[in-house]
Amino acid sequence: MANVRFFAAAEEAVGADQQQRSEPTLGALRAALVAEHPGLGGVLPRCAVLVDGARVDDTHPLGVDTTVDVLPPFAGG
């Protein structure tokens, strides 16, 4: 299962800082998260979503040891 970590507004929308997920691709993960957490629907399109530290497209497969970070835009400097 992939480990999905949520930060800031994404964590607030999901109600947890991380989840273990079994979706096979990043696109399937995005769809399942929004279906389960409707509040994430307004946040997720603005987020940087990194798979093992890299930006990838929605067809990218998610494996057992994959880490997915959902990072909303941060303000400040």
PDB file of N, CA and C in Angstrom:
ATOM      1  N   MET A   1       0.831  -1.183   0.000  1.00  0.00           N
ATOM      2  CA  MET A   1       0.000   0.000   0.000  1.00  0.00           C
ATOM      3  C   MET A   1       0.876   1.246   0.000  1.00  0.00           C
ATOM      4  N   ALA A   2       0.414   2.251  -0.691  1.00  0.00           N
ATOM      5  CA  ALA A   2       1.124   3.524  -0.728  1.00  0.00           C
ATOM      6  C   ALA A   2       0.816   4.305   0.552  1.00  0.00           C
ATOM      7  N   ASN A   3       1.795   5.037   1.041  1.00  0.00           N
ATOM      8  CA  ASN A   3       1.615   5.925   2.185  1.00  0.00           C
ATOM      9  C   ASN A   3       1.376   7.327   1.637  1.00  0.00           C
ATOM     10  N   VAL A   4       0.194   7.889   1.935  1.00  0.00           N
ATOM     11  CA  VAL A   4      -0.158   9.228   1.458  1.00  0.00           C
ATOM     12  C   VAL A   4      -0.099  10.175   2.642  1.00  0.00           C
ATOM     13  N   ARG A   5       0.709  11.232   2.501  1.00  0.00           N
ATOM     14  CA  ARG A   5       0.854  12.217   3.568  1.00  0.00           C
ATOM     15  C   ARG A   5       0.183  13.526   3.139  1.00  0.00           C
ATOM     16  N   PHE A   6      -0.606  14.083   4.026  1.00  0.00           N
ATOM     17  CA  PHE A   6      -1.354  15.307   3.757  1.00  0.00           C
ATOM     18  C   PHE A   6      -0.800  16.435   4.615  1.00  0.00           C
ATOM     19  N   PHE A   7      -0.729  17.619   4.038  1.00  0.00           N
ATOM     20  CA  PHE A   7      -0.191  18.769   4.741  1.00  0.00           C
ATOM     21  C   PHE A   7      -1.177  19.932   4.689  1.00  0.00           C
ATOM     22  N   ALA A   8      -1.150  20.762   5.711  1.00  0.00           N
ATOM     23  CA  ALA A   8      -1.904  22.013   5.786  1.00  0.00           C
ATOM     24  C   ALA A   8      -3.385  21.811   5.452  1.00  0.00           C
ATOM     25  N   ALA A   9      -3.917  22.543   4.462  1.00  0.00           N
ATOM     26  CA  ALA A   9      -5.346  22.483   4.123  1.00  0.00           C
ATOM     27  C   ALA A   9      -5.777  21.090   3.666  1.00  0.00           C
ATOM     28  N   ALA A  10      -4.895  20.341   3.047  1.00  0.00           N
ATOM     29  CA  ALA A  10      -5.235  18.970   2.630  1.00  0.00           C
ATOM     30  C   ALA A  10      -5.439  18.090   3.863  1.00  0.00           C
ATOM     31  N   GLU A  11      -4.593  18.232   4.849  1.00  0.00           N
ATOM     32  CA  GLU A  11      -4.744  17.480   6.097  1.00  0.00           C
ATOM     33  C   GLU A  11      -6.066  17.841   6.774  1.00  0.00           C
ATOM     34  N   GLU A  12      -6.387  19.110   6.777  1.00  0.00           N
ATOM     35  CA  GLU A  12      -7.645  19.559   7.372  1.00  0.00           C
ATOM     36  C   GLU A  12      -8.855  18.967   6.645  1.00  0.00           C
ATOM     37  N   ALA A  13      -8.801  18.945   5.323  1.00  0.00           N
ATOM     38  CA  ALA A  13      -9.927  18.420   4.531  1.00  0.00           C
ATOM     39  C   ALA A  13     -10.115  16.914   4.725  1.00  0.00           C
ATOM     40  N   VAL A  14      -9.026  16.195   4.903  1.00  0.00           N
ATOM     41  CA  VAL A  14      -9.080  14.740   5.056  1.00  0.00           C
ATOM     42  C   VAL A  14      -9.325  14.345   6.514  1.00  0.00           C
ATOM     43  N   GLY A  15      -8.844  15.174   7.434  1.00  0.00           N
ATOM     44  CA  GLY A  15      -8.986  14.856   8.850  1.00  0.00           C
ATOM     45  C   GLY A  15      -7.912  13.928   9.380  1.00  0.00           C
ATOM     46  N   ALA A  16      -6.814  13.812   8.637  1.00  0.00           N
ATOM     47  CA  ALA A  16      -5.692  12.969   9.053  1.00  0.00           C
ATOM     48  C   ALA A  16      -4.433  13.465   8.359  1.00  0.00           C
ATOM     49  N   ASP A  17      -3.286  13.186   8.955  1.00  0.00           N
ATOM     50  CA  ASP A  17      -2.042  13.611   8.319  1.00  0.00           C
ATOM     51  C   ASP A  17      -1.479  12.568   7.370  1.00  0.00           C
ATOM     52  N   GLN A  18      -1.994  11.336   7.445  1.00  0.00           N
ATOM     53  CA  GLN A  18      -1.572  10.311   6.485  1.00  0.00           C
ATOM     54  C   GLN A  18      -2.571   9.171   6.435  1.00  0.00           C
ATOM     55  N   GLN A  19      -2.525   8.449   5.331  1.00  0.00           N
ATOM     56  CA  GLN A  19      -3.363   7.267   5.119  1.00  0.00           C
ATOM     57  C   GLN A  19      -2.577   6.253   4.312  1.00  0.00           C
ATOM     58  N   GLN A  20      -2.900   4.985   4.515  1.00  0.00           N
ATOM     59  CA  GLN A  20      -2.386   3.908   3.677  1.00  0.00           C
ATOM     60  C   GLN A  20      -3.437   3.650   2.611  1.00  0.00           C
ATOM     61  N   ARG A  21      -3.040   3.660   1.332  1.00  0.00           N
ATOM     62  CA  ARG A  21      -4.001   3.534   0.226  1.00  0.00           C
ATOM     63  C   ARG A  21      -3.551   2.438  -0.728  1.00  0.00           C
ATOM     64  N   SER A  22      -4.535   1.837  -1.424  1.00  0.00           N
ATOM     65  CA  SER A  22      -4.223   0.724  -2.315  1.00  0.00           C
ATOM     66  C   SER A  22      -4.550   1.005  -3.786  1.00  0.00           C
ATOM     67  N   GLU A  23      -4.891   2.234  -4.151  1.00  0.00           N
ATOM     68  CA  GLU A  23      -5.194   2.527  -5.553  1.00  0.00           C
ATOM     69  C   GLU A  23      -3.960   2.252  -6.414  1.00  0.00           C
ATOM     70  N   PRO A  24      -4.180   1.765  -7.645  1.00  0.00           N
ATOM     71  CA  PRO A  24      -3.054   1.347  -8.487  1.00  0.00           C
ATOM     72  C   PRO A  24      -2.304   2.490  -9.178  1.00  0.00           C
ATOM     73  N   THR A  25      -2.959   3.651  -9.369  1.00  0.00           N
ATOM     74  CA  THR A  25      -2.317   4.779 -10.057  1.00  0.00           C
ATOM     75  C   THR A  25      -2.604   6.071  -9.308  1.00  0.00           C
ATOM     76  N   LEU A  26      -1.836   7.091  -9.632  1.00  0.00           N
ATOM     77  CA  LEU A  26      -2.052   8.396  -9.013  1.00  0.00           C
ATOM     78  C   LEU A  26      -3.431   8.943  -9.363  1.00  0.00           C
ATOM     79  N   GLY A  27      -3.878   8.770 -10.586  1.00  0.00           N
ATOM     80  CA  GLY A  27      -5.196   9.246 -10.983  1.00  0.00           C
ATOM     81  C   GLY A  27      -6.306   8.566 -10.203  1.00  0.00           C
ATOM     82  N   ALA A  28      -6.196   7.266 -10.009  1.00  0.00           N
ATOM     83  CA  ALA A  28      -7.187   6.527  -9.221  1.00  0.00           C
ATOM     84  C   ALA A  28      -7.171   6.994  -7.772  1.00  0.00           C
ATOM     85  N   LEU A  29      -5.986   7.291  -7.255  1.00  0.00           N
ATOM     86  CA  LEU A  29      -5.875   7.805  -5.893  1.00  0.00           C
ATOM     87  C   LEU A  29      -6.571   9.149  -5.765  1.00  0.00           C
ATOM     88  N   ARG A  30      -6.309  10.056  -6.690  1.00  0.00           N
ATOM     89  CA  ARG A  30      -6.949  11.382  -6.651  1.00  0.00           C
ATOM     90  C   ARG A  30      -8.474  11.246  -6.653  1.00  0.00           C
ATOM     91  N   ALA A  31      -8.998  10.422  -7.549  1.00  0.00           N
ATOM     92  CA  ALA A  31     -10.453  10.246  -7.659  1.00  0.00           C
ATOM     93  C   ALA A  31     -11.034   9.658  -6.372  1.00  0.00           C
ATOM     94  N   ALA A  32     -10.380   8.663  -5.807  1.00  0.00           N
ATOM     95  CA  ALA A  32     -10.878   8.023  -4.585  1.00  0.00           C
ATOM     96  C   ALA A  32     -10.841   8.987  -3.407  1.00  0.00           C
ATOM     97  N   LEU A  33      -9.790   9.775  -3.308  1.00  0.00           N
ATOM     98  CA  LEU A  33      -9.692  10.727  -2.202  1.00  0.00           C
ATOM     99  C   LEU A  33     -10.808  11.765  -2.254  1.00  0.00           C
ATOM    100  N   VAL A  34     -11.079  12.294  -3.442  1.00  0.00           N
ATOM    101  CA  VAL A  34     -12.143  13.303  -3.575  1.00  0.00           C
ATOM    102  C   VAL A  34     -13.513  12.669  -3.312  1.00  0.00           C
ATOM    103  N   ALA A  35     -13.718  11.434  -3.746  1.00  0.00           N
ATOM    104  CA  ALA A  35     -14.987  10.758  -3.491  1.00  0.00           C
ATOM    105  C   ALA A  35     -15.207  10.533  -1.996  1.00  0.00           C
ATOM    106  N   GLU A  36     -14.158  10.199  -1.279  1.00  0.00           N
ATOM    107  CA  GLU A  36     -14.262   9.930   0.153  1.00  0.00           C
ATOM    108  C   GLU A  36     -14.246  11.187   1.007  1.00  0.00           C
ATOM    109  N   HIS A  37     -13.600  12.234   0.506  1.00  0.00           N
ATOM    110  CA  HIS A  37     -13.436  13.479   1.265  1.00  0.00           C
ATOM    111  C   HIS A  37     -13.810  14.650   0.354  1.00  0.00           C
ATOM    112  N   PRO A  38     -15.108  14.938   0.194  1.00  0.00           N
ATOM    113  CA  PRO A  38     -15.539  15.985  -0.740  1.00  0.00           C
ATOM    114  C   PRO A  38     -14.880  17.342  -0.506  1.00  0.00           C
ATOM    115  N   GLY A  39     -14.533  17.654   0.729  1.00  0.00           N
ATOM    116  CA  GLY A  39     -13.857  18.918   1.016  1.00  0.00           C
ATOM    117  C   GLY A  39     -12.492  19.024   0.353  1.00  0.00           C
ATOM    118  N   LEU A  40     -11.909  17.899   0.024  1.00  0.00           N
ATOM    119  CA  LEU A  40     -10.607  17.896  -0.638  1.00  0.00           C
ATOM    120  C   LEU A  40     -10.726  18.313  -2.097  1.00  0.00           C
ATOM    121  N   GLY A  41     -11.940  18.237  -2.656  1.00  0.00           N
ATOM    122  CA  GLY A  41     -12.149  18.584  -4.061  1.00  0.00           C
ATOM    123  C   GLY A  41     -11.762  20.013  -4.403  1.00  0.00           C
ATOM    124  N   GLY A  42     -11.942  20.936  -3.474  1.00  0.00           N
ATOM    125  CA  GLY A  42     -11.558  22.322  -3.711  1.00  0.00           C
ATOM    126  C   GLY A  42     -10.088  22.599  -3.471  1.00  0.00           C
ATOM    127  N   VAL A  43      -9.431  21.722  -2.737  1.00  0.00           N
ATOM    128  CA  VAL A  43      -8.026  21.904  -2.378  1.00  0.00           C
ATOM    129  C   VAL A  43      -7.092  21.176  -3.339  1.00  0.00           C
ATOM    130  N   LEU A  44      -7.441  19.944  -3.681  1.00  0.00           N
ATOM    131  CA  LEU A  44      -6.537  19.072  -4.437  1.00  0.00           C
ATOM    132  C   LEU A  44      -6.074  19.649  -5.778  1.00  0.00           C
ATOM    133  N   PRO A  45      -6.935  20.324  -6.549  1.00  0.00           N
ATOM    134  CA  PRO A  45      -6.444  20.868  -7.823  1.00  0.00           C
ATOM    135  C   PRO A  45      -5.320  21.901  -7.677  1.00  0.00           C
ATOM    136  N   ARG A  46      -5.213  22.522  -6.523  1.00  0.00           N
ATOM    137  CA  ARG A  46      -4.163  23.535  -6.301  1.00  0.00           C
ATOM    138  C   ARG A  46      -2.919  22.944  -5.665  1.00  0.00           C
ATOM    139  N   CYS A  47      -2.985  21.675  -5.286  1.00  0.00           N
ATOM    140  CA  CYS A  47      -1.881  21.035  -4.567  1.00  0.00           C
ATOM    141  C   CYS A  47      -0.782  20.551  -5.516  1.00  0.00           C
ATOM    142  N   ALA A  48       0.430  20.574  -4.997  1.00  0.00           N
ATOM    143  CA  ALA A  48       1.523  19.838  -5.626  1.00  0.00           C
ATOM    144  C   ALA A  48       1.419  18.423  -5.069  1.00  0.00           C
ATOM    145  N   VAL A  49       1.347  17.439  -5.943  1.00  0.00           N
ATOM    146  CA  VAL A  49       1.281  16.043  -5.522  1.00  0.00           C
ATOM    147  C   VAL A  49       2.561  15.369  -5.999  1.00  0.00           C
ATOM    148  N   LEU A  50       3.353  14.934  -5.047  1.00  0.00           N
ATOM    149  CA  LEU A  50       4.651  14.337  -5.348  1.00  0.00           C
ATOM    150  C   LEU A  50       4.626  12.847  -5.026  1.00  0.00           C
ATOM    151  N   VAL A  51       5.135  12.056  -5.931  1.00  0.00           N
ATOM    152  CA  VAL A  51       5.262  10.616  -5.721  1.00  0.00           C
ATOM    153  C   VAL A  51       6.747  10.327  -5.567  1.00  0.00           C
ATOM    154  N   ASP A  52       7.112   9.895  -4.373  1.00  0.00           N
ATOM    155  CA  ASP A  52       8.524   9.667  -4.039  1.00  0.00           C
ATOM    156  C   ASP A  52       9.380  10.885  -4.391  1.00  0.00           C
ATOM    157  N   GLY A  53       8.825  12.079  -4.112  1.00  0.00           N
ATOM    158  CA  GLY A  53       9.559  13.324  -4.281  1.00  0.00           C
ATOM    159  C   GLY A  53       9.531  13.926  -5.667  1.00  0.00           C
ATOM    160  N   ALA A  54       8.818  13.333  -6.603  1.00  0.00           N
ATOM    161  CA  ALA A  54       8.793  13.833  -7.980  1.00  0.00           C
ATOM    162  C   ALA A  54       7.367  14.073  -8.449  1.00  0.00           C
ATOM    163  N   ARG A  55       7.202  15.055  -9.319  1.00  0.00           N
ATOM    164  CA  ARG A  55       5.909  15.266  -9.970  1.00  0.00           C
ATOM    165  C   ARG A  55       5.781  14.262 -11.103  1.00  0.00           C
ATOM    166  N   VAL A  56       4.651  13.589 -11.139  1.00  0.00           N
ATOM    167  CA  VAL A  56       4.389  12.577 -12.170  1.00  0.00           C
ATOM    168  C   VAL A  56       2.965  12.764 -12.672  1.00  0.00           C
ATOM    169  N   ASP A  57       2.623  12.117 -13.787  1.00  0.00           N
ATOM    170  CA  ASP A  57       1.248  12.255 -14.294  1.00  0.00           C
ATOM    171  C   ASP A  57       0.339  11.217 -13.642  1.00  0.00           C
ATOM    172  N   ASP A  58      -0.953  11.345 -13.926  1.00  0.00           N
ATOM    173  CA  ASP A  58      -1.952  10.507 -13.265  1.00  0.00           C
ATOM    174  C   ASP A  58      -1.875   9.033 -13.642  1.00  0.00           C
ATOM    175  N   THR A  59      -1.153   8.682 -14.690  1.00  0.00           N
ATOM    176  CA  THR A  59      -1.021   7.273 -15.064  1.00  0.00           C
ATOM    177  C   THR A  59       0.086   6.568 -14.275  1.00  0.00           C
ATOM    178  N   HIS A  60       0.829   7.325 -13.503  1.00  0.00           N
ATOM    179  CA  HIS A  60       1.964   6.758 -12.752  1.00  0.00           C
ATOM    180  C   HIS A  60       1.479   5.697 -11.759  1.00  0.00           C
ATOM    181  N   PRO A  61       2.079   4.507 -11.788  1.00  0.00           N
ATOM    182  CA  PRO A  61       1.666   3.448 -10.859  1.00  0.00           C
ATOM    183  C   PRO A  61       2.138   3.733  -9.430  1.00  0.00           C
ATOM    184  N   LEU A  62       1.332   3.282  -8.479  1.00  0.00           N
ATOM    185  CA  LEU A  62       1.684   3.411  -7.066  1.00  0.00           C
ATOM    186  C   LEU A  62       1.988   2.026  -6.524  1.00  0.00           C
ATOM    187  N   GLY A  63       3.124   1.900  -5.885  1.00  0.00           N
ATOM    188  CA  GLY A  63       3.536   0.603  -5.370  1.00  0.00           C
ATOM    189  C   GLY A  63       3.444   0.511  -3.858  1.00  0.00           C
ATOM    190  N   VAL A  64       3.897  -0.600  -3.339  1.00  0.00           N
ATOM    191  CA  VAL A  64       3.828  -0.886  -1.912  1.00  0.00           C
ATOM    192  C   VAL A  64       4.643   0.109  -1.089  1.00  0.00           C
ATOM    193  N   ASP A  65       5.796   0.484  -1.558  1.00  0.00           N
ATOM    194  CA  ASP A  65       6.672   1.365  -0.797  1.00  0.00           C
ATOM    195  C   ASP A  65       6.627   2.808  -1.293  1.00  0.00           C
ATOM    196  N   THR A  66       5.581   3.186  -1.993  1.00  0.00           N
ATOM    197  CA  THR A  66       5.455   4.526  -2.547  1.00  0.00           C
ATOM    198  C   THR A  66       5.012   5.507  -1.466  1.00  0.00           C
ATOM    199  N   THR A  67       5.600   6.706  -1.502  1.00  0.00           N
ATOM    200  CA  THR A  67       5.157   7.799  -0.640  1.00  0.00           C
ATOM    201  C   THR A  67       4.594   8.887  -1.529  1.00  0.00           C
ATOM    202  N   VAL A  68       3.372   9.304  -1.237  1.00  0.00           N
ATOM    203  CA  VAL A  68       2.702  10.378  -1.977  1.00  0.00           C
ATOM    204  C   VAL A  68       2.508  11.539  -1.012  1.00  0.00           C
ATOM    205  N   ASP A  69       3.007  12.710  -1.378  1.00  0.00           N
ATOM    206  CA  ASP A  69       2.837  13.913  -0.571  1.00  0.00           C
ATOM    207  C   ASP A  69       1.852  14.840  -1.252  1.00  0.00           C
ATOM    208  N   VAL A  70       0.838  15.288  -0.504  1.00  0.00           N
ATOM    209  CA  VAL A  70      -0.174  16.221  -1.014  1.00  0.00           C
ATOM    210  C   VAL A  70       0.092  17.561  -0.333  1.00  0.00           C
ATOM    211  N   LEU A  71       0.651  18.499  -1.114  1.00  0.00           N
ATOM    212  CA  LEU A  71       1.144  19.764  -0.570  1.00  0.00           C
ATOM    213  C   LEU A  71       0.369  20.945  -1.139  1.00  0.00           C
ATOM    214  N   PRO A  72      -0.516  21.546  -0.358  1.00  0.00           N
ATOM    215  CA  PRO A  72      -1.191  22.758  -0.822  1.00  0.00           C
ATOM    216  C   PRO A  72      -0.185  23.898  -0.954  1.00  0.00           C
ATOM    217  N   PRO A  73      -0.557  24.956  -1.680  1.00  0.00           N
ATOM    218  CA  PRO A  73       0.335  26.107  -1.774  1.00  0.00           C
ATOM    219  C   PRO A  73       0.564  26.702  -0.379  1.00  0.00           C
ATOM    220  N   PHE A  74       1.777  27.089  -0.129  1.00  0.00           N
ATOM    221  CA  PHE A  74       2.117  27.699   1.149  1.00  0.00           C
ATOM    222  C   PHE A  74       2.385  29.183   0.940  1.00  0.00           C
ATOM    223  N   ALA A  75       1.922  29.986   1.873  1.00  0.00           N
ATOM    224  CA  ALA A  75       2.189  31.418   1.822  1.00  0.00           C
ATOM    225  C   ALA A  75       3.361  31.727   2.750  1.00  0.00           C
ATOM    226  N   GLY A  76       3.971  32.860   2.517  1.00  0.00           N
ATOM    227  CA  GLY A  76       5.061  33.278   3.385  1.00  0.00           C
ATOM    228  C   GLY A  76       6.394  33.219   2.700  1.00  0.00           C
ATOM    229  N   GLY A  77       7.422  33.404   3.464  1.00  0.00           N
ATOM    230  CA  GLY A  77       8.728  33.405   2.839  1.00  0.00           C
ATOM    231  C   GLY A  77       9.834  33.293   3.800  1.00  0.00           C
TER     232      GLY A  77
END
